[in-house]
PDB file of N, CA and C in Angstrom:
ATOM      1  N   MET A   1      72.255  85.577 162.350  1.00  0.00           N
ATOM      2  CA  MET A   1      73.267  86.193 161.526  1.00  0.00           C
ATOM      3  C   MET A   1      73.298  87.685 161.833  1.00  0.00           C
ATOM      4  N   SER A   2      74.428  88.186 162.274  1.00  0.00           N
ATOM      5  CA  SER A   2      74.538  89.612 162.595  1.00  0.00           C
ATOM      6  C   SER A   2      74.923  90.403 161.349  1.00  0.00           C
ATOM      7  N   THR A   3      74.364  91.582 161.264  1.00  0.00           N
ATOM      8  CA  THR A   3      74.640  92.458 160.142  1.00  0.00           C
ATOM      9  C   THR A   3      75.543  93.593 160.603  1.00  0.00           C
ATOM     10  N   ILE A   4      76.605  93.816 159.886  1.00  0.00           N
ATOM     11  CA  ILE A   4      77.496  94.932 160.208  1.00  0.00           C
ATOM     12  C   ILE A   4      76.909  96.191 159.598  1.00  0.00           C
ATOM     13  N   THR A   5      76.669  97.171 160.432  1.00  0.00           N
ATOM     14  CA  THR A   5      76.155  98.444 159.949  1.00  0.00           C
ATOM     15  C   THR A   5      77.116  99.552 160.327  1.00  0.00           C
ATOM     16  N   TRP A   6      76.958 100.676 159.703  1.00  0.00           N
ATOM     17  CA  TRP A   6      77.816 101.814 159.988  1.00  0.00           C
ATOM     18  C   TRP A   6      76.960 103.068 160.037  1.00  0.00           C
ATOM     19  N   HIS A   7      77.513 104.068 160.679  1.00  0.00           N
ATOM     20  CA  HIS A   7      76.803 105.334 160.840  1.00  0.00           C
ATOM     21  C   HIS A   7      77.154 106.332 159.742  1.00  0.00           C
ATOM     22  N   TYR A   8      78.370 106.262 159.263  1.00  0.00           N
ATOM     23  CA  TYR A   8      78.845 107.198 158.243  1.00  0.00           C
ATOM     24  C   TYR A   8      79.636 106.445 157.181  1.00  0.00           C
ATOM     25  N   VAL A   9      79.621 106.976 155.979  1.00  0.00           N
ATOM     26  CA  VAL A   9      80.452 106.466 154.892  1.00  0.00           C
ATOM     27  C   VAL A   9      81.308 107.624 154.405  1.00  0.00           C
ATOM     28  N   LEU A  10      82.617 107.433 154.399  1.00  0.00           N
ATOM     29  CA  LEU A  10      83.542 108.440 153.900  1.00  0.00           C
ATOM     30  C   LEU A  10      84.325 107.861 152.725  1.00  0.00           C
ATOM     31  N   LYS A  11      84.306 108.572 151.640  1.00  0.00           N
ATOM     32  CA  LYS A  11      85.042 108.162 150.441  1.00  0.00           C
ATOM     33  C   LYS A  11      86.332 108.973 150.369  1.00  0.00           C
ATOM     34  N   PHE A  12      87.449 108.289 150.183  1.00  0.00           N
ATOM     35  CA  PHE A  12      88.670 109.025 149.897  1.00  0.00           C
ATOM     36  C   PHE A  12      89.431 108.333 148.785  1.00  0.00           C
ATOM     37  N   ILE A  13      90.192 109.153 148.073  1.00  0.00           N
ATOM     38  CA  ILE A  13      90.923 108.647 146.924  1.00  0.00           C
ATOM     39  C   ILE A  13      92.413 108.659 147.208  1.00  0.00           C
ATOM     40  N   ILE A  14      93.096 107.735 146.567  1.00  0.00           N
ATOM     41  CA  ILE A  14      94.561 107.664 146.631  1.00  0.00           C
ATOM     42  C   ILE A  14      95.046 107.948 145.218  1.00  0.00           C
ATOM     43  N   THR A  15      95.803 109.014 145.064  1.00  0.00           N
ATOM     44  CA  THR A  15      96.229 109.407 143.723  1.00  0.00           C
ATOM     45  C   THR A  15      97.713 109.768 143.707  1.00  0.00           C
ATOM     46  N   GLY A  16      98.289 109.725 142.523  1.00  0.00           N
ATOM     47  CA  GLY A  16      99.703 110.022 142.335  1.00  0.00           C
ATOM     48  C   GLY A  16     100.182 109.381 141.044  1.00  0.00           C
ATOM     49  N   ASP A  17     101.460 109.549 140.770  1.00  0.00           N
ATOM     50  CA  ASP A  17     102.064 109.010 139.558  1.00  0.00           C
ATOM     51  C   ASP A  17     102.070 107.479 139.601  1.00  0.00           C
ATOM     52  N   ALA A  18     102.325 106.866 138.462  1.00  0.00           N
ATOM     53  CA  ALA A  18     102.413 105.409 138.375  1.00  0.00           C
ATOM     54  C   ALA A  18     103.603 104.895 139.181  1.00  0.00           C
ATOM     55  N   SER A  19     103.445 103.758 139.800  1.00  0.00           N
ATOM     56  CA  SER A  19     104.518 103.042 140.510  1.00  0.00           C
ATOM     57  C   SER A  19     105.087 103.789 141.706  1.00  0.00           C
ATOM     58  N   VAL A  20     104.230 104.514 142.435  1.00  0.00           N
ATOM     59  CA  VAL A  20     104.722 105.199 143.636  1.00  0.00           C
ATOM     60  C   VAL A  20     104.284 104.502 144.926  1.00  0.00           C
ATOM     61  N   GLY A  21     103.437 103.472 144.817  1.00  0.00           N
ATOM     62  CA  GLY A  21     103.047 102.698 145.992  1.00  0.00           C
ATOM     63  C   GLY A  21     101.597 102.850 146.427  1.00  0.00           C
ATOM     64  N   LYS A  22     100.758 103.406 145.575  1.00  0.00           N
ATOM     65  CA  LYS A  22      99.350 103.618 145.935  1.00  0.00           C
ATOM     66  C   LYS A  22      98.644 102.302 146.256  1.00  0.00           C
ATOM     67  N   SER A  23      98.799 101.311 145.412  1.00  0.00           N
ATOM     68  CA  SER A  23      98.134 100.021 145.628  1.00  0.00           C
ATOM     69  C   SER A  23      98.661  99.326 146.882  1.00  0.00           C
ATOM     70  N   SER A  24      99.939  99.445 147.129  1.00  0.00           N
ATOM     71  CA  SER A  24     100.512  98.850 148.342  1.00  0.00           C
ATOM     72  C   SER A  24      99.918  99.490 149.597  1.00  0.00           C
ATOM     73  N   LEU A  25      99.716 100.803 149.567  1.00  0.00           N
ATOM     74  CA  LEU A  25      99.102 101.488 150.705  1.00  0.00           C
ATOM     75  C   LEU A  25      97.647 101.062 150.898  1.00  0.00           C
ATOM     76  N   LEU A  26      96.917 100.909 149.801  1.00  0.00           N
ATOM     77  CA  LEU A  26      95.526 100.475 149.891  1.00  0.00           C
ATOM     78  C   LEU A  26      95.429  99.082 150.515  1.00  0.00           C
ATOM     79  N   ILE A  27      96.228  98.151 150.043  1.00  0.00           N
ATOM     80  CA  ILE A  27      96.212  96.778 150.574  1.00  0.00           C
ATOM     81  C   ILE A  27      96.620  96.770 152.041  1.00  0.00           C
ATOM     82  N   ARG A  28      97.590  97.598 152.395  1.00  0.00           N
ATOM     83  CA  ARG A  28      98.041  97.670 153.798  1.00  0.00           C
ATOM     84  C   ARG A  28      96.917  98.173 154.696  1.00  0.00           C
ATOM     85  N   LEU A  29      96.192  99.175 154.237  1.00  0.00           N
ATOM     86  CA  LEU A  29      95.101  99.735 155.033  1.00  0.00           C
ATOM     87  C   LEU A  29      93.935  98.760 155.169  1.00  0.00           C
ATOM     88  N   THR A  30      93.532  98.154 154.073  1.00  0.00           N
ATOM     89  CA  THR A  30      92.314  97.341 154.092  1.00  0.00           C
ATOM     90  C   THR A  30      92.535  95.888 154.500  1.00  0.00           C
ATOM     91  N   ASP A  31      93.693  95.324 154.202  1.00  0.00           N
ATOM     92  CA  ASP A  31      93.931  93.892 154.461  1.00  0.00           C
ATOM     93  C   ASP A  31      95.053  93.606 155.451  1.00  0.00           C
ATOM     94  N   GLN A  32      95.705  94.631 155.974  1.00  0.00           N
ATOM     95  CA  GLN A  32      96.844  94.466 156.879  1.00  0.00           C
ATOM     96  C   GLN A  32      97.961  93.623 156.276  1.00  0.00           C
ATOM     97  N   ARG A  33      98.104  93.729 154.943  1.00  0.00           N
ATOM     98  CA  ARG A  33      99.207  93.067 154.241  1.00  0.00           C
ATOM     99  C   ARG A  33      99.990  94.139 153.507  1.00  0.00           C
ATOM    100  N   PHE A  34     101.198  93.818 153.119  1.00  0.00           N
ATOM    101  CA  PHE A  34     101.982  94.739 152.305  1.00  0.00           C
ATOM    102  C   PHE A  34     102.474  94.012 151.064  1.00  0.00           C
ATOM    103  N   LEU A  35     102.168  94.573 149.907  1.00  0.00           N
ATOM    104  CA  LEU A  35     102.640  94.016 148.643  1.00  0.00           C
ATOM    105  C   LEU A  35     103.837  94.842 148.184  1.00  0.00           C
ATOM    106  N   SER A  36     104.975  94.218 148.102  1.00  0.00           N
ATOM    107  CA  SER A  36     106.167  94.962 147.687  1.00  0.00           C
ATOM    108  C   SER A  36     106.232  95.149 146.181  1.00  0.00           C
ATOM    109  N   ASN A  37     105.532  94.305 145.430  1.00  0.00           N
ATOM    110  CA  ASN A  37     105.572  94.405 143.974  1.00  0.00           C
ATOM    111  C   ASN A  37     104.191  94.087 143.382  1.00  0.00           C
ATOM    112  N   PRO A  38     103.194  94.969 143.588  1.00  0.00           N
ATOM    113  CA  PRO A  38     101.853  94.673 143.078  1.00  0.00           C
ATOM    114  C   PRO A  38     101.750  94.877 141.574  1.00  0.00           C
ATOM    115  N   ASP A  39     100.715  94.300 140.981  1.00  0.00           N
ATOM    116  CA  ASP A  39     100.438  94.525 139.567  1.00  0.00           C
ATOM    117  C   ASP A  39      99.970  95.965 139.372  1.00  0.00           C
ATOM    118  N   PRO A  40     100.234  96.557 138.210  1.00  0.00           N
ATOM    119  CA  PRO A  40      99.768  97.930 137.957  1.00  0.00           C
ATOM    120  C   PRO A  40      98.238  98.001 138.002  1.00  0.00           C
ATOM    121  N   THR A  41      97.743  99.114 138.502  1.00  0.00           N
ATOM    122  CA  THR A  41      96.300  99.338 138.555  1.00  0.00           C
ATOM    123  C   THR A  41      95.808  99.773 137.185  1.00  0.00           C
ATOM    124  N   LEU A  42      94.769  99.120 136.724  1.00  0.00           N
ATOM    125  CA  LEU A  42      94.140  99.495 135.461  1.00  0.00           C
ATOM    126  C   LEU A  42      92.818 100.163 135.788  1.00  0.00           C
ATOM    127  N   GLY A  43      92.751 101.466 135.649  1.00  0.00           N
ATOM    128  CA  GLY A  43      91.542 102.204 135.992  1.00  0.00           C
ATOM    129  C   GLY A  43      91.524 102.543 137.462  1.00  0.00           C
ATOM    130  N   VAL A  44      90.710 101.801 138.233  1.00  0.00           N
ATOM    131  CA  VAL A  44      90.542 102.087 139.657  1.00  0.00           C
ATOM    132  C   VAL A  44      90.405 100.776 140.431  1.00  0.00           C
ATOM    133  N   GLU A  45      91.018 100.726 141.601  1.00  0.00           N
ATOM    134  CA  GLU A  45      90.838  99.613 142.540  1.00  0.00           C
ATOM    135  C   GLU A  45      90.089 100.161 143.741  1.00  0.00           C
ATOM    136  N   PHE A  46      89.325  99.293 144.407  1.00  0.00           N
ATOM    137  CA  PHE A  46      88.499  99.718 145.519  1.00  0.00           C
ATOM    138  C   PHE A  46      88.748  98.837 146.724  1.00  0.00           C
ATOM    139  N   GLY A  47      88.731  99.436 147.895  1.00  0.00           N
ATOM    140  CA  GLY A  47      88.810  98.703 149.146  1.00  0.00           C
ATOM    141  C   GLY A  47      88.036  99.453 150.204  1.00  0.00           C
ATOM    142  N   SER A  48      87.640  98.770 151.256  1.00  0.00           N
ATOM    143  CA  SER A  48      86.935  99.453 152.335  1.00  0.00           C
ATOM    144  C   SER A  48      87.377  98.908 153.680  1.00  0.00           C
ATOM    145  N   LYS A  49      87.146  99.725 154.688  1.00  0.00           N
ATOM    146  CA  LYS A  49      87.531  99.352 156.045  1.00  0.00           C
ATOM    147  C   LYS A  49      86.546  99.992 157.015  1.00  0.00           C
ATOM    148  N   LEU A  50      86.136  99.226 158.023  1.00  0.00           N
ATOM    149  CA  LEU A  50      85.285  99.773 159.071  1.00  0.00           C
ATOM    150  C   LEU A  50      86.168 100.286 160.195  1.00  0.00           C
ATOM    151  N   ILE A  51      85.904 101.500 160.615  1.00  0.00           N
ATOM    152  CA  ILE A  51      86.677 102.132 161.678  1.00  0.00           C
ATOM    153  C   ILE A  51      85.731 102.473 162.821  1.00  0.00           C
ATOM    154  N   SER A  52      86.092 102.044 164.007  1.00  0.00           N
ATOM    155  CA  SER A  52      85.282 102.304 165.188  1.00  0.00           C
ATOM    156  C   SER A  52      85.753 103.588 165.868  1.00  0.00           C
ATOM    157  N   ILE A  53      84.799 104.417 166.251  1.00  0.00           N
ATOM    158  CA  ILE A  53      85.096 105.624 167.019  1.00  0.00           C
ATOM    159  C   ILE A  53      84.435 105.432 168.387  1.00  0.00           C
ATOM    160  N   PRO A  54      85.181 104.882 169.346  1.00  0.00           N
ATOM    161  CA  PRO A  54      84.576 104.496 170.620  1.00  0.00           C
ATOM    162  C   PRO A  54      84.006 105.672 171.425  1.00  0.00           C
ATOM    163  N   GLU A  55      84.627 106.850 171.322  1.00  0.00           N
ATOM    164  CA  GLU A  55      84.157 108.009 172.094  1.00  0.00           C
ATOM    165  C   GLU A  55      82.718 108.379 171.720  1.00  0.00           C
ATOM    166  N   ASP A  56      82.368 108.212 170.442  1.00  0.00           N
ATOM    167  CA  ASP A  56      81.034 108.559 169.961  1.00  0.00           C
ATOM    168  C   ASP A  56      80.148 107.330 169.746  1.00  0.00           C
ATOM    169  N   ASP A  57      80.706 106.146 170.002  1.00  0.00           N
ATOM    170  CA  ASP A  57      79.995 104.891 169.769  1.00  0.00           C
ATOM    171  C   ASP A  57      79.465 104.819 168.332  1.00  0.00           C
ATOM    172  N   LYS A  58      80.347 105.156 167.392  1.00  0.00           N
ATOM    173  CA  LYS A  58      79.990 105.183 165.973  1.00  0.00           C
ATOM    174  C   LYS A  58      80.944 104.298 165.180  1.00  0.00           C
ATOM    175  N   ILE A  59      80.459 103.851 164.032  1.00  0.00           N
ATOM    176  CA  ILE A  59      81.292 103.099 163.096  1.00  0.00           C
ATOM    177  C   ILE A  59      81.272 103.822 161.770  1.00  0.00           C
ATOM    178  N   VAL A  60      82.451 104.022 161.200  1.00  0.00           N
ATOM    179  CA  VAL A  60      82.606 104.703 159.917  1.00  0.00           C
ATOM    180  C   VAL A  60      83.089 103.691 158.896  1.00  0.00           C
ATOM    181  N   LYS A  61      82.425 103.668 157.759  1.00  0.00           N
ATOM    182  CA  LYS A  61      82.895 102.836 156.649  1.00  0.00           C
ATOM    183  C   LYS A  61      83.748 103.731 155.760  1.00  0.00           C
ATOM    184  N   LEU A  62      85.011 103.402 155.659  1.00  0.00           N
ATOM    185  CA  LEU A  62      85.952 104.153 154.855  1.00  0.00           C
ATOM    186  C   LEU A  62      86.084 103.474 153.497  1.00  0.00           C
ATOM    187  N   GLN A  63      85.665 104.162 152.442  1.00  0.00           N
ATOM    188  CA  GLN A  63      85.786 103.636 151.084  1.00  0.00           C
ATOM    189  C   GLN A  63      87.043 104.229 150.459  1.00  0.00           C
ATOM    190  N   CYS A  64      87.955 103.383 150.041  1.00  0.00           N
ATOM    191  CA  CYS A  64      89.236 103.825 149.503  1.00  0.00           C
ATOM    192  C   CYS A  64      89.299 103.498 148.015  1.00  0.00           C
ATOM    193  N   TRP A  65      89.556 104.504 147.219  1.00  0.00           N
ATOM    194  CA  TRP A  65      89.635 104.351 145.766  1.00  0.00           C
ATOM    195  C   TRP A  65      91.069 104.615 145.337  1.00  0.00           C
ATOM    196  N   ASP A  66      91.717 103.599 144.825  1.00  0.00           N
ATOM    197  CA  ASP A  66      93.097 103.664 144.333  1.00  0.00           C
ATOM    198  C   ASP A  66      93.027 103.929 142.832  1.00  0.00           C
ATOM    199  N   THR A  67      93.432 105.127 142.417  1.00  0.00           N
ATOM    200  CA  THR A  67      93.334 105.496 141.001  1.00  0.00           C
ATOM    201  C   THR A  67      94.629 105.165 140.265  1.00  0.00           C
ATOM    202  N   ALA A  68      94.505 104.792 139.005  1.00  0.00           N
ATOM    203  CA  ALA A  68      95.681 104.477 138.184  1.00  0.00           C
ATOM    204  C   ALA A  68      96.511 105.740 137.996  1.00  0.00           C
ATOM    205  N   GLY A  69      97.817 105.592 137.983  1.00  0.00           N
ATOM    206  CA  GLY A  69      98.696 106.746 137.858  1.00  0.00           C
ATOM    207  C   GLY A  69      99.147 107.043 136.441  1.00  0.00           C
ATOM    208  N   THR A  70      98.832 106.174 135.502  1.00  0.00           N
ATOM    209  CA  THR A  70      99.290 106.394 134.128  1.00  0.00           C
ATOM    210  C   THR A  70      98.411 107.415 133.412  1.00  0.00           C
ATOM    211  N   GLU A  71      99.004 108.126 132.489  1.00  0.00           N
ATOM    212  CA  GLU A  71      98.320 109.190 131.751  1.00  0.00           C
ATOM    213  C   GLU A  71      97.099 108.671 130.993  1.00  0.00           C
ATOM    214  N   SER A  72      97.173 107.458 130.479  1.00  0.00           N
ATOM    215  CA  SER A  72      96.071 106.923 129.669  1.00  0.00           C
ATOM    216  C   SER A  72      94.774 106.739 130.462  1.00  0.00           C
ATOM    217  N   PHE A  73      94.846 106.682 131.798  1.00  0.00           N
ATOM    218  CA  PHE A  73      93.656 106.501 132.622  1.00  0.00           C
ATOM    219  C   PHE A  73      93.196 107.786 133.310  1.00  0.00           C
ATOM    220  N   ARG A  74      93.863 108.907 133.082  1.00  0.00           N
ATOM    221  CA  ARG A  74      93.532 110.151 133.783  1.00  0.00           C
ATOM    222  C   ARG A  74      92.076 110.585 133.594  1.00  0.00           C
ATOM    223  N   SER A  75      91.564 110.501 132.377  1.00  0.00           N
ATOM    224  CA  SER A  75      90.186 110.953 132.139  1.00  0.00           C
ATOM    225  C   SER A  75      89.180 110.072 132.872  1.00  0.00           C
ATOM    226  N   ILE A  76      89.485 108.799 133.034  1.00  0.00           N
ATOM    227  CA  ILE A  76      88.594 107.883 133.747  1.00  0.00           C
ATOM    228  C   ILE A  76      88.644 108.146 135.247  1.00  0.00           C
ATOM    229  N   THR A  77      89.852 108.292 135.780  1.00  0.00           N
ATOM    230  CA  THR A  77      89.992 108.388 137.231  1.00  0.00           C
ATOM    231  C   THR A  77      89.468 109.701 137.786  1.00  0.00           C
ATOM    232  N   ARG A  78      89.439 110.768 137.004  1.00  0.00           N
ATOM    233  CA  ARG A  78      88.919 112.043 137.507  1.00  0.00           C
ATOM    234  C   ARG A  78      87.475 111.930 137.960  1.00  0.00           C
ATOM    235  N   SER A  79      86.683 111.108 137.308  1.00  0.00           N
ATOM    236  CA  SER A  79      85.275 110.967 137.686  1.00  0.00           C
ATOM    237  C   SER A  79      85.122 110.391 139.098  1.00  0.00           C
ATOM    238  N   TYR A  80      86.121 109.667 139.587  1.00  0.00           N
ATOM    239  CA  TYR A  80      86.056 109.091 140.922  1.00  0.00           C
ATOM    240  C   TYR A  80      86.348 110.117 142.013  1.00  0.00           C
ATOM    241  N   TYR A  81      86.851 111.287 141.654  1.00  0.00           N
ATOM    242  CA  TYR A  81      87.155 112.324 142.635  1.00  0.00           C
ATOM    243  C   TYR A  81      85.886 112.944 143.218  1.00  0.00           C
ATOM    244  N   ARG A  82      84.795 112.928 142.458  1.00  0.00           N
ATOM    245  CA  ARG A  82      83.545 113.551 142.921  1.00  0.00           C
ATOM    246  C   ARG A  82      83.032 112.883 144.188  1.00  0.00           C
ATOM    247  N   GLY A  83      82.670 113.707 145.140  1.00  0.00           N
ATOM    248  CA  GLY A  83      82.100 113.200 146.381  1.00  0.00           C
ATOM    249  C   GLY A  83      83.115 112.683 147.381  1.00  0.00           C
ATOM    250  N   ALA A  84      84.393 112.847 147.097  1.00  0.00           N
ATOM    251  CA  ALA A  84      85.422 112.359 148.017  1.00  0.00           C
ATOM    252  C   ALA A  84      85.552 113.289 149.222  1.00  0.00           C
ATOM    253  N   ALA A  85      85.660 112.695 150.392  1.00  0.00           N
ATOM    254  CA  ALA A  85      85.850 113.461 151.627  1.00  0.00           C
ATOM    255  C   ALA A  85      87.314 113.820 151.830  1.00  0.00           C
ATOM    256  N   GLY A  86      88.208 113.101 151.151  1.00  0.00           N
ATOM    257  CA  GLY A  86      89.633 113.356 151.309  1.00  0.00           C
ATOM    258  C   GLY A  86      90.434 112.711 150.203  1.00  0.00           C
ATOM    259  N   CYS A  87      91.695 113.070 150.170  1.00  0.00           N
ATOM    260  CA  CYS A  87      92.589 112.557 149.137  1.00  0.00           C
ATOM    261  C   CYS A  87      93.971 112.343 149.730  1.00  0.00           C
ATOM    262  N   LEU A  88      94.550 111.211 149.432  1.00  0.00           N
ATOM    263  CA  LEU A  88      95.925 110.925 149.822  1.00  0.00           C
ATOM    264  C   LEU A  88      96.783 111.056 148.571  1.00  0.00           C
ATOM    265  N   LEU A  89      97.648 112.065 148.547  1.00  0.00           N
ATOM    266  CA  LEU A  89      98.554 112.276 147.417  1.00  0.00           C
ATOM    267  C   LEU A  89      99.845 111.520 147.697  1.00  0.00           C
ATOM    268  N   VAL A  90     100.184 110.602 146.807  1.00  0.00           N
ATOM    269  CA  VAL A  90     101.339 109.731 147.023  1.00  0.00           C
ATOM    270  C   VAL A  90     102.391 110.022 145.960  1.00  0.00           C
ATOM    271  N   TYR A  91     103.640 110.121 146.393  1.00  0.00           N
ATOM    272  CA  TYR A  91     104.744 110.316 145.456  1.00  0.00           C
ATOM    273  C   TYR A  91     105.952 109.532 145.936  1.00  0.00           C
ATOM    274  N   ASP A  92     106.905 109.370 145.051  1.00  0.00           N
ATOM    275  CA  ASP A  92     108.140 108.636 145.330  1.00  0.00           C
ATOM    276  C   ASP A  92     109.222 109.655 145.673  1.00  0.00           C
ATOM    277  N   VAL A  93     109.766 109.593 146.872  1.00  0.00           N
ATOM    278  CA  VAL A  93     110.765 110.582 147.293  1.00  0.00           C
ATOM    279  C   VAL A  93     112.057 110.472 146.493  1.00  0.00           C
ATOM    280  N   THR A  94     112.248 109.364 145.787  1.00  0.00           N
ATOM    281  CA  THR A  94     113.460 109.208 144.982  1.00  0.00           C
ATOM    282  C   THR A  94     113.241 109.602 143.522  1.00  0.00           C
ATOM    283  N   ASN A  95     112.051 110.115 143.217  1.00  0.00           N
ATOM    284  CA  ASN A  95     111.704 110.444 141.838  1.00  0.00           C
ATOM    285  C   ASN A  95     111.079 111.840 141.789  1.00  0.00           C
ATOM    286  N   ARG A  96     111.866 112.820 141.379  1.00  0.00           N
ATOM    287  CA  ARG A  96     111.398 114.210 141.348  1.00  0.00           C
ATOM    288  C   ARG A  96     110.172 114.381 140.444  1.00  0.00           C
ATOM    289  N   LYS A  97     110.119 113.621 139.344  1.00  0.00           N
ATOM    290  CA  LYS A  97     108.990 113.726 138.417  1.00  0.00           C
ATOM    291  C   LYS A  97     107.676 113.376 139.114  1.00  0.00           C
ATOM    292  N   SER A  98     107.677 112.379 139.985  1.00  0.00           N
ATOM    293  CA  SER A  98     106.447 111.995 140.672  1.00  0.00           C
ATOM    294  C   SER A  98     105.972 113.102 141.606  1.00  0.00           C
ATOM    295  N   MET A  99     106.898 113.858 142.160  1.00  0.00           N
ATOM    296  CA  MET A  99     106.530 114.999 143.001  1.00  0.00           C
ATOM    297  C   MET A  99     105.913 116.105 142.147  1.00  0.00           C
ATOM    298  N   SER A 100     106.472 116.364 140.981  1.00  0.00           N
ATOM    299  CA  SER A 100     105.927 117.380 140.076  1.00  0.00           C
ATOM    300  C   SER A 100     104.514 117.019 139.639  1.00  0.00           C
ATOM    301  N   LEU A 101     104.289 115.749 139.361  1.00  0.00           N
ATOM    302  CA  LEU A 101     102.956 115.307 138.951  1.00  0.00           C
ATOM    303  C   LEU A 101     101.950 115.415 140.091  1.00  0.00           C
ATOM    304  N   MET A 102     102.431 115.356 141.320  1.00  0.00           N
ATOM    305  CA  MET A 102     101.540 115.506 142.463  1.00  0.00           C
ATOM    306  C   MET A 102     100.928 116.907 142.476  1.00  0.00           C
ATOM    307  N   TYR A 103     101.707 117.916 142.108  1.00  0.00           N
ATOM    308  CA  TYR A 103     101.170 119.280 142.052  1.00  0.00           C
ATOM    309  C   TYR A 103     100.061 119.381 141.004  1.00  0.00           C
ATOM    310  N   ARG A 104     100.211 118.687 139.892  1.00  0.00           N
ATOM    311  CA  ARG A 104      99.164 118.671 138.878  1.00  0.00           C
ATOM    312  C   ARG A 104      97.906 118.005 139.423  1.00  0.00           C
ATOM    313  N   SER A 105      98.068 116.950 140.212  1.00  0.00           N
ATOM    314  CA  SER A 105      96.922 116.263 140.786  1.00  0.00           C
ATOM    315  C   SER A 105      96.147 117.182 141.721  1.00  0.00           C
ATOM    316  N   THR A 106      96.837 118.018 142.474  1.00  0.00           N
ATOM    317  CA  THR A 106      96.122 118.925 143.389  1.00  0.00           C
ATOM    318  C   THR A 106      95.277 119.917 142.602  1.00  0.00           C
ATOM    319  N   ALA A 107      95.738 120.336 141.427  1.00  0.00           N
ATOM    320  CA  ALA A 107      94.944 121.254 140.600  1.00  0.00           C
ATOM    321  C   ALA A 107      93.681 120.568 140.081  1.00  0.00           C
ATOM    322  N   ILE A 108      93.766 119.300 139.751  1.00  0.00           N
ATOM    323  CA  ILE A 108      92.610 118.550 139.264  1.00  0.00           C
ATOM    324  C   ILE A 108      91.594 118.335 140.389  1.00  0.00           C
ATOM    325  N   ILE A 109      92.062 118.083 141.572  1.00  0.00           N
ATOM    326  CA  ILE A 109      91.188 117.796 142.704  1.00  0.00           C
ATOM    327  C   ILE A 109      90.358 119.023 143.076  1.00  0.00           C
ATOM    328  N   HIS A 110      90.962 120.189 143.026  1.00  0.00           N
ATOM    329  CA  HIS A 110      90.247 121.427 143.389  1.00  0.00           C
ATOM    330  C   HIS A 110      89.142 121.602 142.422  1.00  0.00           C
TER     331      HIS A 110
END
């Protein structure tokens, strides 16, 4: 039985307003599927993907945390920002409010 190992673990979060496509992006990255109408995220969803870097002969485990976009979960999801190597800010180009909320998210992340 072979064991999959990795050299590095990188945590990144996906954040933004509710219903902008965060969960669809997570599923696309981790499972190579696209959900056009996923269920709302309650709290946080998690996915991971192994990425090979052939030039360095290394494997990176990418941990992806999809945070809920609704106001009622904001206090919970902020705790998941700690230790993140990166953040994907997602907004809906057809919804100006989601873009405004993205600016608030950048203030929380800092």
